[in-house]
Amino acid sequence: MPTPITVSELLERADLGVTAIAGTEGLSRTVTAPRIQKPGLALTGWPEQLHDGRVLVLGATEIDYLADSATARTLGLATLFASEPACVVVCRGLAPPPELRAAAETRGVPLLSSSLLTADFIAAVTVWMTDRLAPSQQIHGVLLDVLGIGCLLLGKSGIGKSETALDLVVRGHRLVADDIILLRRHRDHVIGRGAGLLGHHMEIRGLGIINIKDLFGIAAVRETKKVELVVELHEWSAHEEYDRLGFDDRTDDLLGVAVPAVRVPVRPGRNLATLVEVAARNQLLKYQGIHSARAFRDQLDRAMLAARDGAMDAVE
C-alpha cells in the first residue's frame, strides 16, 4: 500500500508554489484521495457533498463570493470545514478573508496559498498525487528499454541479469534501473523506475560498480518505462518443463496487472541478450496482431488437412 501524503509534503513541492498561512498545527494531516475538490455551490449551502481528507481549492470565484457578505462567509466556512478537509488551498496568490484564516487556526486545518492559477495548480497537484498514491512495490531485477519494449529481467541472484542487461546496453538498448526496481500501477499498466541511490549504476561481478550513463552516454539510459514484458531467467534443470512451442501466452501478475511473460532457461552457451532481444521483437509482433507460433500451427494444420484430403482423393 502507498504511504499517505501529508500536507507538509505539498509545501516541499517547489512546482506548486505553495506556502502555509494558517493552521500549521495540522500539517501532519493526510490526503486520502488524489482528486481535489472545489467547493463551488457548497459554499452557498447547496447540498453538494464534500469528501473528507481531500484538498479543497479556492479560486477567484470562491474568494469573491466569501468576500461579498458576512452571511455568505459564515455559511460558506461552516460548510467548508464540516467536511474535515486535509487542507484548503487559495490559488493565484489571493488574500483569504480573515474569517477563513481564523477558522483554519481554530480547526487545525492547514490553509495554504499557491501562486499558480487555479487550473494550473489543480493539474499539477493531481498528476503528482495520482503518482504518489498509486499502488507500488519494490522488486529485485533489471528494467530495460529494448526496442521500445519495457523488459523486466527477473531471476535469482547471480544468474546473470546484470551481465545480460550490460550486453543489451552495448547493443544500443537503454537501461532504466538495476537491482531494485520501484513499480507503480497507473490505471491498467505498470511503470518502473530505479529505487534508492543506485540510479543508472550497475554492479557487475568482477568489475564492481559501473556508471552506464558515464560509460555509454545519456542515450543509453532513461528514467522510467512501462513494463510490457517480464523475462524470468531460470537455472536450467532436466526436471523442469519449458515452453517449446509458445502457443499459449503466459502472464505474470504485477500489482494486479497481467503482464506478458516468458521463462528462459539459463545454461552455458546460451546467448541471453539475444534471447531477450528476440523476445522483445516477438512481443512487438504480437502487438501488431502477428503471433508467430500460432501462425505456424495454423499453417501446419492446413498442410495436414490438405494431405489428408489428397489421400482420400487417391483412395477414391
C-alpha atoms as a PDB file:
ATOM      1  CA  MET A   1       0.000   0.000   0.000  1.00  0.00           C
ATOM      2  CA  PRO A   2       1.269   3.520  -0.779  1.00  0.00           C
ATOM      3  CA  THR A   3       2.279   5.789   2.090  1.00  0.00           C
ATOM      4  CA  PRO A   4      -0.359   8.514   2.640  1.00  0.00           C
ATOM      5  CA  ILE A   5       0.534  12.054   1.589  1.00  0.00           C
ATOM      6  CA  THR A   6       0.902  14.578   4.395  1.00  0.00           C
ATOM      7  CA  VAL A   7       0.032  18.204   3.839  1.00  0.00           C
ATOM      8  CA  SER A   8       3.626  19.129   4.687  1.00  0.00           C
ATOM      9  CA  GLU A   9       4.714  17.306   1.501  1.00  0.00           C
ATOM     10  CA  LEU A  10       2.763  19.850  -0.561  1.00  0.00           C
ATOM     11  CA  LEU A  11       4.964  22.570   0.905  1.00  0.00           C
ATOM     12  CA  GLU A  12       8.065  20.714  -0.274  1.00  0.00           C
ATOM     13  CA  ARG A  13       6.933  20.762  -3.916  1.00  0.00           C
ATOM     14  CA  ALA A  14       8.562  23.828  -5.464  1.00  0.00           C
ATOM     15  CA  ASP A  15       6.495  23.426  -8.652  1.00  0.00           C
ATOM     16  CA  LEU A  16       3.260  24.034  -6.718  1.00  0.00           C
ATOM     17  CA  GLY A  17       4.323  27.449  -5.370  1.00  0.00           C
ATOM     18  CA  VAL A  18       2.697  26.720  -2.003  1.00  0.00           C
ATOM     19  CA  THR A  19       3.191  28.467   1.357  1.00  0.00           C
ATOM     20  CA  ALA A  20       1.382  27.959   4.680  1.00  0.00           C
ATOM     21  CA  ILE A  21      -0.515  30.978   6.024  1.00  0.00           C
ATOM     22  CA  ALA A  22      -2.635  29.450   8.822  1.00  0.00           C
ATOM     23  CA  GLY A  23      -3.445  26.189  10.592  1.00  0.00           C
ATOM     24  CA  THR A  24       0.152  24.970  10.586  1.00  0.00           C
ATOM     25  CA  GLU A  25      -0.544  22.655  13.520  1.00  0.00           C
ATOM     26  CA  GLY A  26      -2.401  20.429  11.046  1.00  0.00           C
ATOM     27  CA  LEU A  27       0.467  19.925   8.580  1.00  0.00           C
ATOM     28  CA  SER A  28       0.586  16.249   9.563  1.00  0.00           C
ATOM     29  CA  ARG A  29      -2.935  15.720   8.191  1.00  0.00           C
ATOM     30  CA  THR A  30      -3.061  13.175   5.379  1.00  0.00           C
ATOM     31  CA  VAL A  31      -4.556  13.349   1.902  1.00  0.00           C
ATOM     32  CA  THR A  32      -6.561  10.174   1.292  1.00  0.00           C
ATOM     33  CA  ALA A  33      -7.545  10.664  -2.367  1.00  0.00           C
ATOM     34  CA  PRO A  34      -5.691  12.157  -5.357  1.00  0.00           C
ATOM     35  CA  ARG A  35      -8.750  14.054  -6.594  1.00  0.00           C
ATOM     36  CA  ILE A  36      -9.036  17.621  -5.380  1.00  0.00           C
ATOM     37  CA  GLN A  37     -12.368  19.406  -4.873  1.00  0.00           C
ATOM     38  CA  LYS A  38     -13.605  22.926  -5.486  1.00  0.00           C
ATOM     39  CA  PRO A  39     -16.430  23.678  -3.052  1.00  0.00           C
ATOM     40  CA  GLY A  40     -18.453  25.645  -5.621  1.00  0.00           C
ATOM     41  CA  LEU A  41     -22.154  25.622  -4.702  1.00  0.00           C
ATOM     42  CA  ALA A  42     -21.375  24.016  -1.339  1.00  0.00           C
ATOM     43  CA  LEU A  43     -20.348  27.463  -0.115  1.00  0.00           C
ATOM     44  CA  THR A  44     -23.930  28.650  -0.655  1.00  0.00           C
ATOM     45  CA  GLY A  45     -25.360  25.861   1.478  1.00  0.00           C
ATOM     46  CA  TRP A  46     -26.349  23.752  -1.520  1.00  0.00           C
ATOM     47  CA  PRO A  47     -26.285  20.036  -0.567  1.00  0.00           C
ATOM     48  CA  GLU A  48     -23.127  19.256  -2.578  1.00  0.00           C
ATOM     49  CA  GLN A  49     -21.101  16.508  -0.926  1.00  0.00           C
ATOM     50  CA  LEU A  50     -17.566  17.415   0.105  1.00  0.00           C
ATOM     51  CA  HIS A  51     -15.375  14.402   0.898  1.00  0.00           C
ATOM     52  CA  ASP A  52     -13.179  14.104   3.970  1.00  0.00           C
ATOM     53  CA  GLY A  53      -9.415  14.032   3.572  1.00  0.00           C
ATOM     54  CA  ARG A  54      -9.254  15.849   0.249  1.00  0.00           C
ATOM     55  CA  VAL A  55      -7.522  19.026  -0.851  1.00  0.00           C
ATOM     56  CA  LEU A  56     -10.072  21.828  -1.228  1.00  0.00           C
ATOM     57  CA  VAL A  57      -9.136  24.530  -3.737  1.00  0.00           C
ATOM     58  CA  LEU A  58     -10.485  28.073  -3.717  1.00  0.00           C
ATOM     59  CA  GLY A  59     -10.087  30.279  -6.772  1.00  0.00           C
ATOM     60  CA  ALA A  60     -11.074  33.841  -7.570  1.00  0.00           C
ATOM     61  CA  THR A  61     -14.790  32.975  -7.810  1.00  0.00           C
ATOM     62  CA  GLU A  62     -14.902  31.387  -4.358  1.00  0.00           C
ATOM     63  CA  ILE A  63     -12.837  34.153  -2.707  1.00  0.00           C
ATOM     64  CA  ASP A  64     -15.027  36.867  -4.294  1.00  0.00           C
ATOM     65  CA  TYR A  65     -18.144  35.085  -3.043  1.00  0.00           C
ATOM     66  CA  LEU A  66     -16.809  34.803   0.526  1.00  0.00           C
ATOM     67  CA  ALA A  67     -15.837  38.477   0.466  1.00  0.00           C
ATOM     68  CA  ASP A  68     -19.329  39.516  -0.625  1.00  0.00           C
ATOM     69  CA  SER A  69     -21.023  39.436   2.788  1.00  0.00           C
ATOM     70  CA  ALA A  70     -20.649  38.258   6.378  1.00  0.00           C
ATOM     71  CA  THR A  71     -23.631  35.929   5.943  1.00  0.00           C
ATOM     72  CA  ALA A  72     -22.008  34.271   2.948  1.00  0.00           C
ATOM     73  CA  ARG A  73     -18.773  33.797   4.874  1.00  0.00           C
ATOM     74  CA  THR A  74     -20.498  32.289   7.916  1.00  0.00           C
ATOM     75  CA  LEU A  75     -22.480  29.761   5.894  1.00  0.00           C
ATOM     76  CA  GLY A  76     -19.686  29.038   3.450  1.00  0.00           C
ATOM     77  CA  LEU A  77     -16.998  28.436   6.060  1.00  0.00           C
ATOM     78  CA  ALA A  78     -19.297  26.255   8.173  1.00  0.00           C
ATOM     79  CA  THR A  79     -19.933  24.070   5.113  1.00  0.00           C
ATOM     80  CA  LEU A  80     -16.261  24.063   4.152  1.00  0.00           C
ATOM     81  CA  PHE A  81     -14.850  22.835   7.448  1.00  0.00           C
ATOM     82  CA  ALA A  82     -17.677  20.413   8.183  1.00  0.00           C
ATOM     83  CA  SER A  83     -16.115  18.077   5.602  1.00  0.00           C
ATOM     84  CA  GLU A  84     -12.820  17.722   7.533  1.00  0.00           C
ATOM     85  CA  PRO A  85     -10.583  18.569   4.552  1.00  0.00           C
ATOM     86  CA  ALA A  86      -6.901  17.659   4.533  1.00  0.00           C
ATOM     87  CA  CYS A  87      -6.150  21.299   3.741  1.00  0.00           C
ATOM     88  CA  VAL A  88      -7.535  24.354   1.945  1.00  0.00           C
ATOM     89  CA  VAL A  89      -5.534  25.987  -0.858  1.00  0.00           C
ATOM     90  CA  VAL A  90      -6.164  29.522  -2.098  1.00  0.00           C
ATOM     91  CA  CYS A  91      -4.777  29.958  -5.630  1.00  0.00           C
ATOM     92  CA  ARG A  92      -3.487  32.925  -7.650  1.00  0.00           C
ATOM     93  CA  GLY A  93      -1.839  34.341  -4.510  1.00  0.00           C
ATOM     94  CA  LEU A  94      -5.204  35.829  -3.454  1.00  0.00           C
ATOM     95  CA  ALA A  95      -5.662  37.091   0.091  1.00  0.00           C
ATOM     96  CA  PRO A  96      -8.118  34.907   2.048  1.00  0.00           C
ATOM     97  CA  PRO A  97     -10.749  36.577   4.264  1.00  0.00           C
ATOM     98  CA  PRO A  98      -9.677  36.967   7.916  1.00  0.00           C
ATOM     99  CA  GLU A  99     -12.540  34.675   8.943  1.00  0.00           C
ATOM    100  CA  LEU A 100     -11.071  31.912   6.777  1.00  0.00           C
ATOM    101  CA  ARG A 101      -7.688  32.293   8.491  1.00  0.00           C
ATOM    102  CA  ALA A 102      -9.338  32.227  11.921  1.00  0.00           C
ATOM    103  CA  ALA A 103     -11.433  29.150  11.130  1.00  0.00           C
ATOM    104  CA  ALA A 104      -8.368  27.309   9.808  1.00  0.00           C
ATOM    105  CA  GLU A 105      -6.443  28.080  13.018  1.00  0.00           C
ATOM    106  CA  THR A 106      -9.380  27.057  15.223  1.00  0.00           C
ATOM    107  CA  ARG A 107      -9.995  23.759  13.395  1.00  0.00           C
ATOM    108  CA  GLY A 108      -6.304  22.949  12.903  1.00  0.00           C
ATOM    109  CA  VAL A 109      -6.759  22.690   9.134  1.00  0.00           C
ATOM    110  CA  PRO A 110      -3.781  23.992   7.107  1.00  0.00           C
ATOM    111  CA  LEU A 111      -4.607  26.997   4.957  1.00  0.00           C
ATOM    112  CA  LEU A 112      -2.176  27.243   2.065  1.00  0.00           C
ATOM    113  CA  SER A 113      -1.584  29.840  -0.627  1.00  0.00           C
ATOM    114  CA  SER A 114      -0.394  28.982  -4.143  1.00  0.00           C
ATOM    115  CA  SER A 115       0.968  31.443  -6.670  1.00  0.00           C
ATOM    116  CA  LEU A 116      -0.329  29.290  -9.542  1.00  0.00           C
ATOM    117  CA  LEU A 117      -3.524  29.863 -11.464  1.00  0.00           C
ATOM    118  CA  THR A 118      -6.313  27.629 -10.201  1.00  0.00           C
ATOM    119  CA  ALA A 119      -6.383  25.386 -13.276  1.00  0.00           C
ATOM    120  CA  ASP A 120      -2.591  25.054 -13.303  1.00  0.00           C
ATOM    121  CA  PHE A 121      -2.473  24.143  -9.602  1.00  0.00           C
ATOM    122  CA  ILE A 122      -5.227  21.551  -9.984  1.00  0.00           C
ATOM    123  CA  ALA A 123      -3.485  19.937 -12.968  1.00  0.00           C
ATOM    124  CA  ALA A 124      -0.050  19.860 -11.301  1.00  0.00           C
ATOM    125  CA  VAL A 125      -1.174  18.590  -7.898  1.00  0.00           C
ATOM    126  CA  THR A 126      -3.485  15.958  -9.386  1.00  0.00           C
ATOM    127  CA  VAL A 127      -0.729  14.450 -11.538  1.00  0.00           C
ATOM    128  CA  TRP A 128       1.672  14.372  -8.587  1.00  0.00           C
ATOM    129  CA  MET A 129      -0.824  12.929  -6.098  1.00  0.00           C
ATOM    130  CA  THR A 130      -2.050  10.302  -8.561  1.00  0.00           C
ATOM    131  CA  ASP A 131       1.521   9.091  -8.997  1.00  0.00           C
ATOM    132  CA  ARG A 132       2.318   9.381  -5.295  1.00  0.00           C
ATOM    133  CA  LEU A 133      -0.777   7.431  -4.166  1.00  0.00           C
ATOM    134  CA  ALA A 134      -0.620   4.768  -6.883  1.00  0.00           C
ATOM    135  CA  PRO A 135      -0.214   1.145  -5.694  1.00  0.00           C
ATOM    136  CA  SER A 136       3.500   0.344  -5.637  1.00  0.00           C
ATOM    137  CA  GLN A 137       6.066  -2.293  -4.765  1.00  0.00           C
ATOM    138  CA  GLN A 138       9.811  -2.800  -4.914  1.00  0.00           C
ATOM    139  CA  ILE A 139      11.223  -5.768  -6.775  1.00  0.00           C
ATOM    140  CA  HIS A 140      14.734  -7.083  -7.418  1.00  0.00           C
ATOM    141  CA  GLY A 141      15.615  -7.247 -11.095  1.00  0.00           C
ATOM    142  CA  VAL A 142      16.738  -5.173 -14.064  1.00  0.00           C
ATOM    143  CA  LEU A 143      14.486  -2.953 -16.187  1.00  0.00           C
ATOM    144  CA  LEU A 144      15.462  -2.052 -19.759  1.00  0.00           C
ATOM    145  CA  ASP A 145      14.004  -0.438 -22.836  1.00  0.00           C
ATOM    146  CA  VAL A 146      14.589  -2.989 -25.605  1.00  0.00           C
ATOM    147  CA  LEU A 147      13.325  -1.772 -28.983  1.00  0.00           C
ATOM    148  CA  GLY A 148      10.708   0.295 -27.165  1.00  0.00           C
ATOM    149  CA  ILE A 149       9.501  -2.658 -25.086  1.00  0.00           C
ATOM    150  CA  GLY A 150       9.945  -2.342 -21.329  1.00  0.00           C
ATOM    151  CA  CYS A 151      11.633  -5.626 -20.361  1.00  0.00           C
ATOM    152  CA  LEU A 152      11.832  -6.582 -16.690  1.00  0.00           C
ATOM    153  CA  LEU A 153      14.513  -9.224 -16.100  1.00  0.00           C
ATOM    154  CA  LEU A 154      13.919 -11.408 -13.044  1.00  0.00           C
ATOM    155  CA  GLY A 155      15.805 -14.342 -11.572  1.00  0.00           C
ATOM    156  CA  LYS A 156      17.733 -15.399  -8.523  1.00  0.00           C
ATOM    157  CA  SER A 157      20.905 -13.569  -7.500  1.00  0.00           C
ATOM    158  CA  GLY A 158      23.960 -14.431  -9.600  1.00  0.00           C
ATOM    159  CA  ILE A 159      22.048 -15.912 -12.534  1.00  0.00           C
ATOM    160  CA  GLY A 160      23.277 -13.204 -14.937  1.00  0.00           C
ATOM    161  CA  LYS A 161      20.630 -10.468 -15.025  1.00  0.00           C
ATOM    162  CA  SER A 162      23.097  -7.567 -14.852  1.00  0.00           C
ATOM    163  CA  GLU A 163      25.520  -9.139 -17.343  1.00  0.00           C
ATOM    164  CA  THR A 164      22.653  -9.730 -19.778  1.00  0.00           C
ATOM    165  CA  ALA A 165      21.495  -6.145 -19.321  1.00  0.00           C
ATOM    166  CA  LEU A 166      25.026  -4.850 -19.915  1.00  0.00           C
ATOM    167  CA  ASP A 167      25.240  -6.849 -23.150  1.00  0.00           C
ATOM    168  CA  LEU A 168      21.941  -5.298 -24.267  1.00  0.00           C
ATOM    169  CA  VAL A 169      23.174  -1.780 -23.452  1.00  0.00           C
ATOM    170  CA  VAL A 170      26.309  -2.445 -25.545  1.00  0.00           C
ATOM    171  CA  ARG A 171      23.961  -3.360 -28.411  1.00  0.00           C
ATOM    172  CA  GLY A 172      22.266   0.036 -28.155  1.00  0.00           C
ATOM    173  CA  HIS A 173      19.354  -0.641 -25.834  1.00  0.00           C
ATOM    174  CA  ARG A 174      18.626   1.504 -22.763  1.00  0.00           C
ATOM    175  CA  LEU A 175      18.907   0.852 -19.038  1.00  0.00           C
ATOM    176  CA  VAL A 176      16.222   2.089 -16.684  1.00  0.00           C
ATOM    177  CA  ALA A 177      17.432   0.574 -13.422  1.00  0.00           C
ATOM    178  CA  ASP A 178      19.433  -2.300 -11.983  1.00  0.00           C
ATOM    179  CA  ASP A 179      18.959  -4.229  -8.734  1.00  0.00           C
ATOM    180  CA  ILE A 180      15.988  -2.518  -7.040  1.00  0.00           C
ATOM    181  CA  ILE A 181      13.042  -1.505  -9.226  1.00  0.00           C
ATOM    182  CA  LEU A 182      10.163   0.613  -7.961  1.00  0.00           C
ATOM    183  CA  LEU A 183       6.926  -0.367  -9.694  1.00  0.00           C
ATOM    184  CA  ARG A 184       3.807   1.820  -9.639  1.00  0.00           C
ATOM    185  CA  ARG A 185       0.438   0.984 -11.129  1.00  0.00           C
ATOM    186  CA  HIS A 186      -1.193   3.623 -13.327  1.00  0.00           C
ATOM    187  CA  ARG A 187      -4.679   2.579 -14.397  1.00  0.00           C
ATOM    188  CA  ASP A 188      -4.174  -0.635 -16.406  1.00  0.00           C
ATOM    189  CA  HIS A 189      -0.380  -0.612 -16.736  1.00  0.00           C
ATOM    190  CA  VAL A 190       2.730  -0.654 -14.549  1.00  0.00           C
ATOM    191  CA  ILE A 191       5.552   1.915 -14.658  1.00  0.00           C
ATOM    192  CA  GLY A 192       9.030   1.065 -13.383  1.00  0.00           C
ATOM    193  CA  ARG A 193      11.915   3.233 -12.259  1.00  0.00           C
ATOM    194  CA  GLY A 194      15.037   2.959 -10.132  1.00  0.00           C
ATOM    195  CA  ALA A 195      14.750   2.985  -6.340  1.00  0.00           C
ATOM    196  CA  GLY A 196      17.362   4.073  -3.850  1.00  0.00           C
ATOM    197  CA  LEU A 197      20.748   5.594  -4.599  1.00  0.00           C
ATOM    198  CA  LEU A 198      21.972   3.201  -7.296  1.00  0.00           C
ATOM    199  CA  GLY A 199      20.438   5.220 -10.138  1.00  0.00           C
ATOM    200  CA  HIS A 200      21.939   4.263 -13.505  1.00  0.00           C
ATOM    201  CA  HIS A 201      24.780   2.325 -11.910  1.00  0.00           C
ATOM    202  CA  MET A 202      25.202  -1.433 -12.264  1.00  0.00           C
ATOM    203  CA  GLU A 203      27.018  -3.984 -10.140  1.00  0.00           C
ATOM    204  CA  ILE A 204      28.974  -6.413 -12.325  1.00  0.00           C
ATOM    205  CA  ARG A 205      30.737  -9.216 -10.537  1.00  0.00           C
ATOM    206  CA  GLY A 206      34.475  -8.929 -11.195  1.00  0.00           C
ATOM    207  CA  LEU A 207      34.204  -5.280 -12.306  1.00  0.00           C
ATOM    208  CA  GLY A 208      32.366  -3.707  -9.392  1.00  0.00           C
ATOM    209  CA  ILE A 209      30.071  -0.683  -9.710  1.00  0.00           C
ATOM    210  CA  ILE A 210      29.944   0.935 -13.154  1.00  0.00           C
ATOM    211  CA  ASN A 211      28.075   4.047 -14.310  1.00  0.00           C
ATOM    212  CA  ILE A 212      26.147   3.280 -17.502  1.00  0.00           C
ATOM    213  CA  LYS A 213      25.378   6.932 -18.190  1.00  0.00           C
ATOM    214  CA  ASP A 214      29.033   7.953 -17.995  1.00  0.00           C
ATOM    215  CA  LEU A 215      30.301   4.941 -19.949  1.00  0.00           C
ATOM    216  CA  PHE A 216      27.774   4.907 -22.795  1.00  0.00           C
ATOM    217  CA  GLY A 217      26.202   8.376 -22.766  1.00  0.00           C
ATOM    218  CA  ILE A 218      22.809   9.846 -21.992  1.00  0.00           C
ATOM    219  CA  ALA A 219      21.160   7.907 -24.829  1.00  0.00           C
ATOM    220  CA  ALA A 220      21.917   4.615 -23.032  1.00  0.00           C
ATOM    221  CA  VAL A 221      19.612   5.339 -20.089  1.00  0.00           C
ATOM    222  CA  ARG A 222      16.105   6.516 -19.316  1.00  0.00           C
ATOM    223  CA  GLU A 223      14.303   7.372 -16.074  1.00  0.00           C
ATOM    224  CA  THR A 224      11.063   5.403 -16.342  1.00  0.00           C
ATOM    225  CA  LYS A 225       9.466   2.797 -18.603  1.00  0.00           C
ATOM    226  CA  LYS A 226       6.200   0.951 -18.850  1.00  0.00           C
ATOM    227  CA  VAL A 227       6.700  -2.739 -18.060  1.00  0.00           C
ATOM    228  CA  GLU A 228       5.478  -4.671 -21.105  1.00  0.00           C
ATOM    229  CA  LEU A 229       7.363  -7.970 -20.853  1.00  0.00           C
ATOM    230  CA  VAL A 230       8.662  -9.981 -17.904  1.00  0.00           C
ATOM    231  CA  VAL A 231      11.644 -12.214 -18.721  1.00  0.00           C
ATOM    232  CA  GLU A 232      12.388 -14.715 -15.967  1.00  0.00           C
ATOM    233  CA  LEU A 233      15.884 -16.193 -16.145  1.00  0.00           C
ATOM    234  CA  HIS A 234      15.662 -19.692 -14.671  1.00  0.00           C
ATOM    235  CA  GLU A 235      18.553 -22.038 -13.996  1.00  0.00           C
ATOM    236  CA  TRP A 236      18.153 -24.957 -16.401  1.00  0.00           C
ATOM    237  CA  SER A 237      17.019 -28.247 -14.903  1.00  0.00           C
ATOM    238  CA  ALA A 238      16.293 -31.542 -16.607  1.00  0.00           C
ATOM    239  CA  HIS A 239      13.350 -31.967 -14.262  1.00  0.00           C
ATOM    240  CA  GLU A 240      11.622 -28.750 -15.335  1.00  0.00           C
ATOM    241  CA  GLU A 241       9.100 -28.351 -18.149  1.00  0.00           C
ATOM    242  CA  TYR A 242       9.826 -25.440 -20.501  1.00  0.00           C
ATOM    243  CA  ASP A 243       7.612 -23.991 -23.207  1.00  0.00           C
ATOM    244  CA  ARG A 244       8.989 -25.150 -26.564  1.00  0.00           C
ATOM    245  CA  LEU A 245       6.136 -24.099 -28.844  1.00  0.00           C
ATOM    246  CA  GLY A 246       4.785 -20.801 -27.491  1.00  0.00           C
ATOM    247  CA  PHE A 247       1.158 -21.377 -28.458  1.00  0.00           C
ATOM    248  CA  ASP A 248      -0.179 -20.066 -25.148  1.00  0.00           C
ATOM    249  CA  ASP A 249       0.548 -16.588 -23.846  1.00  0.00           C
ATOM    250  CA  ARG A 250       1.878 -16.601 -20.289  1.00  0.00           C
ATOM    251  CA  THR A 251       1.421 -13.605 -17.985  1.00  0.00           C
ATOM    252  CA  ASP A 252       2.784 -12.516 -14.613  1.00  0.00           C
ATOM    253  CA  ASP A 253       0.784 -10.503 -12.105  1.00  0.00           C
ATOM    254  CA  LEU A 254       2.355  -7.142 -11.238  1.00  0.00           C
ATOM    255  CA  LEU A 255       0.249  -5.045  -8.872  1.00  0.00           C
ATOM    256  CA  GLY A 256      -2.896  -6.671 -10.235  1.00  0.00           C
ATOM    257  CA  VAL A 257      -1.939  -6.125 -13.894  1.00  0.00           C
ATOM    258  CA  ALA A 258      -1.392  -9.147 -16.164  1.00  0.00           C
ATOM    259  CA  VAL A 259       1.930  -8.522 -17.953  1.00  0.00           C
ATOM    260  CA  PRO A 260       3.151 -10.805 -20.791  1.00  0.00           C
ATOM    261  CA  ALA A 261       5.933 -13.065 -19.559  1.00  0.00           C
ATOM    262  CA  VAL A 262       8.437 -15.635 -20.802  1.00  0.00           C
ATOM    263  CA  ARG A 263      10.616 -18.081 -18.872  1.00  0.00           C
ATOM    264  CA  VAL A 264      14.108 -18.547 -20.266  1.00  0.00           C
ATOM    265  CA  PRO A 265      16.251 -21.484 -19.027  1.00  0.00           C
ATOM    266  CA  VAL A 266      19.859 -20.497 -18.403  1.00  0.00           C
ATOM    267  CA  ARG A 267      22.703 -22.870 -19.223  1.00  0.00           C
ATOM    268  CA  PRO A 268      26.276 -22.479 -20.554  1.00  0.00           C
ATOM    269  CA  GLY A 269      26.444 -21.465 -24.208  1.00  0.00           C
ATOM    270  CA  ARG A 270      23.089 -19.676 -24.393  1.00  0.00           C
ATOM    271  CA  ASN A 271      23.255 -16.048 -25.527  1.00  0.00           C
ATOM    272  CA  LEU A 272      20.792 -14.498 -23.108  1.00  0.00           C
ATOM    273  CA  ALA A 273      20.988 -10.980 -24.564  1.00  0.00           C
ATOM    274  CA  THR A 274      19.995 -12.314 -27.990  1.00  0.00           C
ATOM    275  CA  LEU A 275      17.124 -14.291 -26.475  1.00  0.00           C
ATOM    276  CA  VAL A 276      15.809 -11.236 -24.604  1.00  0.00           C
ATOM    277  CA  GLU A 277      16.078  -9.103 -27.748  1.00  0.00           C
ATOM    278  CA  VAL A 278      14.201 -11.716 -29.788  1.00  0.00           C
ATOM    279  CA  ALA A 279      11.549 -11.950 -27.062  1.00  0.00           C
ATOM    280  CA  ALA A 280      11.079  -8.157 -27.297  1.00  0.00           C
ATOM    281  CA  ARG A 281      10.840  -8.321 -31.101  1.00  0.00           C
ATOM    282  CA  ASN A 282       8.310 -11.143 -30.813  1.00  0.00           C
ATOM    283  CA  GLN A 283       6.255  -9.068 -28.375  1.00  0.00           C
ATOM    284  CA  LEU A 284       6.260  -6.192 -30.864  1.00  0.00           C
ATOM    285  CA  LEU A 285       4.855  -8.565 -33.496  1.00  0.00           C
ATOM    286  CA  LYS A 286       2.114  -9.673 -31.091  1.00  0.00           C
ATOM    287  CA  TYR A 287       1.125  -6.023 -30.550  1.00  0.00           C
ATOM    288  CA  GLN A 288       0.679  -5.862 -34.346  1.00  0.00           C
ATOM    289  CA  GLY A 289      -1.534  -8.947 -34.284  1.00  0.00           C
ATOM    290  CA  ILE A 290       1.151 -11.347 -35.557  1.00  0.00           C
ATOM    291  CA  HIS A 291       1.584 -14.450 -33.397  1.00  0.00           C
ATOM    292  CA  SER A 292       4.381 -16.495 -34.978  1.00  0.00           C
ATOM    293  CA  ALA A 293       3.776 -19.726 -33.063  1.00  0.00           C
ATOM    294  CA  ARG A 294       0.043 -19.745 -33.731  1.00  0.00           C
ATOM    295  CA  ALA A 295       0.599 -18.827 -37.384  1.00  0.00           C
ATOM    296  CA  PHE A 296       2.941 -21.815 -37.713  1.00  0.00           C
ATOM    297  CA  ARG A 297       0.391 -24.077 -36.034  1.00  0.00           C
ATOM    298  CA  ASP A 298      -2.353 -22.890 -38.393  1.00  0.00           C
ATOM    299  CA  GLN A 299      -0.051 -23.452 -41.386  1.00  0.00           C
ATOM    300  CA  LEU A 300       0.735 -26.961 -40.126  1.00  0.00           C
ATOM    301  CA  ASP A 301      -2.961 -27.720 -39.624  1.00  0.00           C
ATOM    302  CA  ARG A 302      -3.726 -26.595 -43.171  1.00  0.00           C
ATOM    303  CA  ALA A 303      -0.904 -28.734 -44.567  1.00  0.00           C
ATOM    304  CA  MET A 304      -2.130 -31.797 -42.649  1.00  0.00           C
ATOM    305  CA  LEU A 305      -5.699 -31.196 -43.788  1.00  0.00           C
ATOM    306  CA  ALA A 306      -4.577 -30.857 -47.429  1.00  0.00           C
ATOM    307  CA  ALA A 307      -2.518 -34.065 -47.136  1.00  0.00           C
ATOM    308  CA  ARG A 308      -5.484 -35.937 -45.684  1.00  0.00           C
ATOM    309  CA  ASP A 309      -7.845 -34.694 -48.407  1.00  0.00           C
ATOM    310  CA  GLY A 310      -5.270 -35.697 -51.026  1.00  0.00           C
ATOM    311  CA  ALA A 311      -5.016 -39.206 -49.561  1.00  0.00           C
ATOM    312  CA  MET A 312      -8.788 -39.584 -49.540  1.00  0.00           C
ATOM    313  CA  ASP A 313      -8.989 -38.470 -53.190  1.00  0.00           C
ATOM    314  CA  ALA A 314      -6.344 -41.039 -54.119  1.00  0.00           C
ATOM    315  CA  VAL A 315      -8.312 -43.826 -52.434  1.00  0.00           C
ATOM    316  CA  GLU A 316     -11.483 -42.872 -54.283  1.00  0.00           C
END
